[in-house]
Amino acid sequence: AKATKRDHASRDSTMRTSMTTSRRVVAFAPVLASLARMRGVAIVGGDRDARDHDDGQANERWVKIDATVNVPESWATRPGQRAKSSAYVMYTDTYGPNNRWTWLSPKLSDDGVVEANALALTVQSKAGLESIEDFGAIEKIEPARAFGFELEGLSAADVVKSTTRTDKGGQKYYQWELDNGENFFGMVACVSGGALYAFVIEAASDKFKESPSTYRAVIDSFTVAKVDESRND
């Protein structure tokens, strides 16, 4: 397979209003029904209904499932701001391009104070992996470089803490806290349906120190259902 240059094709994704509960859901949802159910900020991806996808995402190799994360209800983007998606062509083979998709949100603020500089999700095909453990031992992974995030300062951040968790559905996650002295990065990754999912929340280091439990709750809330990889060609 021949490597290709970055595909800069990007588009705005749908932004929804916040929920009226104590926390709102940011839904990386592949279907329209999920968007209506989740509300919150919606960043859409995967192989989806033709009414709701661009051509670049129609034939991705992973099983279409929801990835969700909870953030405080009071956190909101500025009116009119939208999340954006972009594709990086990792390689091309007889099945076509194999993309790594990235969805990036604008800043989230509470009463004018920035609480999160960004939320981002990457999804890429990883055929043959059944669990994040198959990607490698957590202590062997360099999270700042492993998942394709291009947030300023992330590559210079040091791992402060790493943990694992397993949700009630049996999905296993690797989690990291990183800091570069200026910004905090909370990261989480898992594998499902033939894809590697990674999520990051970026915030000022001082904001994290003010309320570490708030940011850890966001990381802990990241959820991707555990499903088998499709065996269809």
Protein backbone atom coordinates (compact mmCIF):
# COMPACT_ATOMS: atom_id res chain seq x y z
CA ALA A 1 0.00 0.00 0.00
CA LYS A 2 1.27 3.46 -0.84
CA ALA A 3 1.12 6.21 1.76
CA THR A 4 -0.66 9.35 0.69
CA LYS A 5 -0.56 12.96 1.71
CA ARG A 6 -2.96 14.47 4.20
CA ASP A 7 -6.50 14.85 2.99
CA HIS A 8 -7.45 18.32 4.15
CA ALA A 9 -11.11 17.84 3.38
CA SER A 10 -13.03 18.98 6.42
CA ARG A 11 -16.51 20.06 7.24
CA ASP A 12 -18.56 21.52 10.01
CA SER A 13 -20.54 19.06 12.10
CA THR A 14 -23.94 19.60 13.67
CA MET A 15 -24.01 21.45 17.00
CA ARG A 16 -26.95 20.84 19.28
CA THR A 17 -28.21 22.68 22.36
CA SER A 18 -27.21 21.51 25.83
CA MET A 19 -29.34 19.15 27.85
CA THR A 20 -31.28 20.44 30.85
CA THR A 21 -29.77 17.86 33.18
CA SER A 22 -26.84 18.20 35.59
CA ARG A 23 -24.47 17.08 32.83
CA ARG A 24 -24.75 17.23 29.06
CA VAL A 25 -23.70 14.56 26.62
CA VAL A 26 -21.26 15.14 23.81
CA ALA A 27 -22.22 12.46 21.30
CA PHE A 28 -19.92 11.25 18.55
CA ALA A 29 -22.96 9.59 17.01
CA PRO A 30 -23.20 7.77 13.68
CA VAL A 31 -26.96 7.94 13.13
CA LEU A 32 -29.62 10.63 13.08
CA ALA A 33 -31.68 8.86 15.73
CA SER A 34 -28.73 9.03 18.09
CA LEU A 35 -28.33 12.76 17.49
CA ALA A 36 -31.97 13.34 18.39
CA ARG A 37 -31.72 11.16 21.46
CA MET A 38 -28.42 12.49 22.78
CA ARG A 39 -28.86 16.17 21.95
CA GLY A 40 -25.83 17.99 23.43
CA VAL A 41 -22.91 18.70 21.10
CA ALA A 42 -22.92 16.12 18.32
CA ILE A 43 -19.88 15.22 16.24
CA VAL A 44 -20.85 12.63 13.67
CA GLY A 45 -18.69 9.93 12.11
CA GLY A 46 -18.51 6.40 10.80
CA ASP A 47 -20.40 4.69 7.99
CA ARG A 48 -23.72 6.48 8.24
CA ASP A 49 -27.04 7.05 6.53
CA ALA A 50 -26.73 8.95 3.24
CA ARG A 51 -28.84 11.77 4.66
CA ASP A 52 -26.15 12.56 7.21
CA HIS A 53 -22.67 11.91 5.89
CA ASP A 54 -20.23 13.28 3.40
CA ASP A 55 -18.76 11.00 0.75
CA GLY A 56 -15.42 10.72 2.54
CA GLN A 57 -16.92 8.75 5.41
CA ALA A 58 -19.29 6.44 3.57
CA ASN A 59 -17.07 3.36 3.38
CA GLU A 60 -14.99 3.31 6.53
CA ARG A 61 -13.94 -0.09 7.81
CA TRP A 62 -15.23 0.02 11.37
CA VAL A 63 -18.64 -0.94 12.70
CA LYS A 64 -20.81 2.15 13.24
CA ILE A 65 -21.46 2.72 16.94
CA ASP A 66 -21.83 5.66 19.31
CA ALA A 67 -18.99 7.17 21.31
CA THR A 68 -20.18 9.49 24.09
CA VAL A 69 -18.68 11.64 26.81
CA ASN A 70 -20.36 13.71 29.54
CA VAL A 71 -19.38 17.31 30.32
CA PRO A 72 -20.88 19.74 32.86
CA GLU A 73 -24.13 21.30 31.66
CA SER A 74 -22.80 24.81 32.25
CA TRP A 75 -19.99 24.32 29.71
CA ALA A 76 -20.96 25.70 26.32
CA THR A 77 -19.46 26.85 23.05
CA ARG A 78 -19.97 30.38 21.77
CA PRO A 79 -23.07 30.83 19.60
CA GLY A 80 -22.42 29.86 16.01
CA GLN A 81 -19.27 27.86 16.69
CA ARG A 82 -19.16 24.37 15.24
CA ALA A 83 -17.12 21.25 15.65
CA LYS A 84 -15.04 20.22 12.64
CA SER A 85 -14.01 16.90 11.16
CA SER A 86 -11.02 16.05 9.00
CA ALA A 87 -9.53 12.94 7.43
CA TYR A 88 -5.92 11.83 7.21
CA VAL A 89 -5.27 9.12 4.61
CA MET A 90 -2.98 6.65 6.35
CA TYR A 91 -2.61 4.36 3.35
CA THR A 92 -4.51 3.05 0.32
CA ASP A 93 -5.01 -0.59 -0.65
CA THR A 94 -7.37 -2.62 -2.85
CA TYR A 95 -10.29 -1.60 -0.60
CA GLY A 96 -9.54 2.09 -1.04
CA PRO A 97 -8.19 4.70 1.38
CA ASN A 98 -7.83 3.87 5.06
CA ASN A 99 -8.51 7.10 6.96
CA ARG A 100 -7.93 8.35 10.45
CA TRP A 101 -10.82 10.68 11.24
CA THR A 102 -10.52 13.51 13.76
CA TRP A 103 -13.39 15.51 15.27
CA LEU A 104 -12.39 18.71 17.10
CA SER A 105 -14.68 20.92 19.17
CA PRO A 106 -14.32 24.65 19.85
CA LYS A 107 -13.52 25.91 23.35
CA LEU A 108 -16.08 25.25 26.07
CA SER A 109 -16.69 28.06 28.56
CA ASP A 110 -18.70 28.63 31.72
CA ASP A 111 -19.95 32.20 32.17
CA GLY A 112 -17.16 33.53 29.98
CA VAL A 113 -14.39 31.48 31.60
CA VAL A 114 -12.76 28.85 29.37
CA GLU A 115 -13.06 25.44 31.00
CA ALA A 116 -11.83 23.29 28.11
CA ASN A 117 -9.60 24.47 25.29
CA ALA A 118 -10.75 21.55 23.14
CA LEU A 119 -12.40 18.16 23.03
CA ALA A 120 -11.17 15.84 20.29
CA LEU A 121 -11.83 12.32 19.07
CA THR A 122 -9.86 10.21 16.62
CA VAL A 123 -11.11 6.98 15.02
CA GLN A 124 -9.05 4.72 12.79
CA SER A 125 -9.36 1.21 11.44
CA LYS A 126 -7.41 -1.41 13.41
CA ALA A 127 -8.37 -4.76 11.96
CA GLY A 128 -7.67 -7.75 14.16
CA LEU A 129 -7.67 -5.93 17.49
CA GLU A 130 -10.29 -7.11 19.98
CA SER A 131 -9.24 -4.92 22.93
CA ILE A 132 -7.07 -1.92 23.71
CA GLU A 133 -4.72 -4.43 25.33
CA ASP A 134 -4.01 -5.79 21.83
CA PHE A 135 -2.72 -2.32 20.89
CA GLY A 136 0.03 -2.72 23.48
CA ALA A 137 0.72 -2.56 27.19
CA ILE A 138 -0.28 0.80 28.65
CA GLU A 139 3.24 1.48 29.92
CA LYS A 140 4.63 0.96 26.40
CA ILE A 141 2.30 3.46 24.69
CA GLU A 142 3.26 7.11 24.19
CA PRO A 143 -0.22 8.67 24.31
CA ALA A 144 0.92 12.09 23.10
CA ARG A 145 1.95 10.53 19.77
CA ALA A 146 0.03 7.29 19.43
CA PHE A 147 -3.39 8.51 18.28
CA GLY A 148 -2.78 11.32 15.80
CA PHE A 149 -3.93 14.29 17.88
CA GLU A 150 -2.44 17.59 16.72
CA LEU A 151 -3.11 19.80 19.74
CA GLU A 152 -0.47 22.44 20.38
CA GLY A 153 1.84 21.47 23.22
CA LEU A 154 0.66 17.86 23.47
CA SER A 155 3.87 16.38 22.08
CA ALA A 156 5.83 18.13 24.85
CA ALA A 157 3.52 16.93 27.64
CA ASP A 158 4.66 14.34 30.16
CA VAL A 159 2.54 11.48 31.44
CA VAL A 160 1.64 12.22 35.05
CA LYS A 161 -0.75 9.32 35.61
CA SER A 162 -2.02 6.26 33.75
CA THR A 163 -4.88 3.94 34.67
CA THR A 164 -7.18 1.32 33.19
CA ARG A 165 -10.91 0.78 33.65
CA THR A 166 -13.55 -1.63 32.44
CA ASP A 167 -17.17 -0.56 32.01
CA LYS A 168 -20.24 -2.65 32.77
CA GLY A 169 -20.39 -3.84 29.17
CA GLY A 170 -16.91 -5.32 29.39
CA GLN A 171 -15.21 -2.58 27.37
CA LYS A 172 -11.66 -1.87 28.57
CA TYR A 173 -10.09 1.59 28.43
CA TYR A 174 -6.59 2.99 28.86
CA GLN A 175 -6.49 6.46 30.44
CA TRP A 176 -3.75 9.04 30.86
CA GLU A 177 -3.22 12.44 32.43
CA LEU A 178 -0.52 14.54 30.78
CA ASP A 179 0.80 18.05 31.48
CA ASN A 180 3.32 20.33 29.78
CA GLY A 181 3.41 22.94 32.55
CA GLU A 182 0.82 25.11 30.81
CA ASN A 183 -1.93 22.76 29.69
CA PHE A 184 -3.47 19.55 31.01
CA PHE A 185 -4.49 16.75 28.63
CA GLY A 186 -6.81 13.98 29.76
CA MET A 187 -6.83 11.07 27.32
CA VAL A 188 -8.68 7.77 26.99
CA ALA A 189 -8.55 5.05 24.33
CA CYS A 190 -10.32 1.81 23.50
CA VAL A 191 -10.96 -0.63 20.64
CA SER A 192 -14.32 -1.70 19.26
CA GLY A 193 -15.76 -3.00 15.99
CA GLY A 194 -12.43 -2.96 14.18
CA ALA A 195 -11.54 0.61 15.16
CA LEU A 196 -9.25 2.35 17.62
CA TYR A 197 -10.98 5.22 19.44
CA ALA A 198 -9.11 7.94 21.33
CA PHE A 199 -10.52 10.98 23.12
CA VAL A 200 -8.75 13.96 24.68
CA ILE A 201 -9.84 16.96 26.70
CA GLU A 202 -7.42 19.88 26.90
CA ALA A 203 -7.58 22.53 29.62
CA ALA A 204 -5.28 25.01 31.28
CA SER A 205 -3.18 23.34 33.97
CA ASP A 206 -4.48 25.82 36.54
CA LYS A 207 -8.08 24.93 35.69
CA PHE A 208 -7.34 21.25 36.21
CA LYS A 209 -5.68 21.96 39.57
CA GLU A 210 -8.77 23.93 40.68
CA SER A 211 -11.07 20.96 40.10
CA PRO A 212 -9.31 17.74 39.09
CA SER A 213 -12.42 15.68 39.85
CA THR A 214 -14.38 17.56 37.17
CA TYR A 215 -11.92 16.72 34.41
CA ARG A 216 -11.41 13.17 35.62
CA ALA A 217 -15.18 12.68 35.54
CA VAL A 218 -15.18 13.72 31.87
CA ILE A 219 -12.44 11.20 31.06
CA ASP A 220 -14.17 8.46 33.06
CA SER A 221 -17.44 9.08 31.23
CA PHE A 222 -16.07 8.34 27.77
CA THR A 223 -17.95 5.30 26.51
CA VAL A 224 -17.82 3.18 23.38
CA ALA A 225 -19.92 0.00 23.22
CA LYS A 226 -17.97 -3.22 22.86
CA VAL A 227 -18.89 -4.89 19.55
CA ASP A 228 -17.23 -7.46 17.33
CA GLU A 229 -15.35 -6.51 14.20
CA SER A 230 -17.29 -7.03 10.97
CA ARG A 231 -16.02 -9.93 8.89
CA ASN A 232 -17.65 -8.67 5.69
CA ASP A 233 -15.28 -7.59 2.89
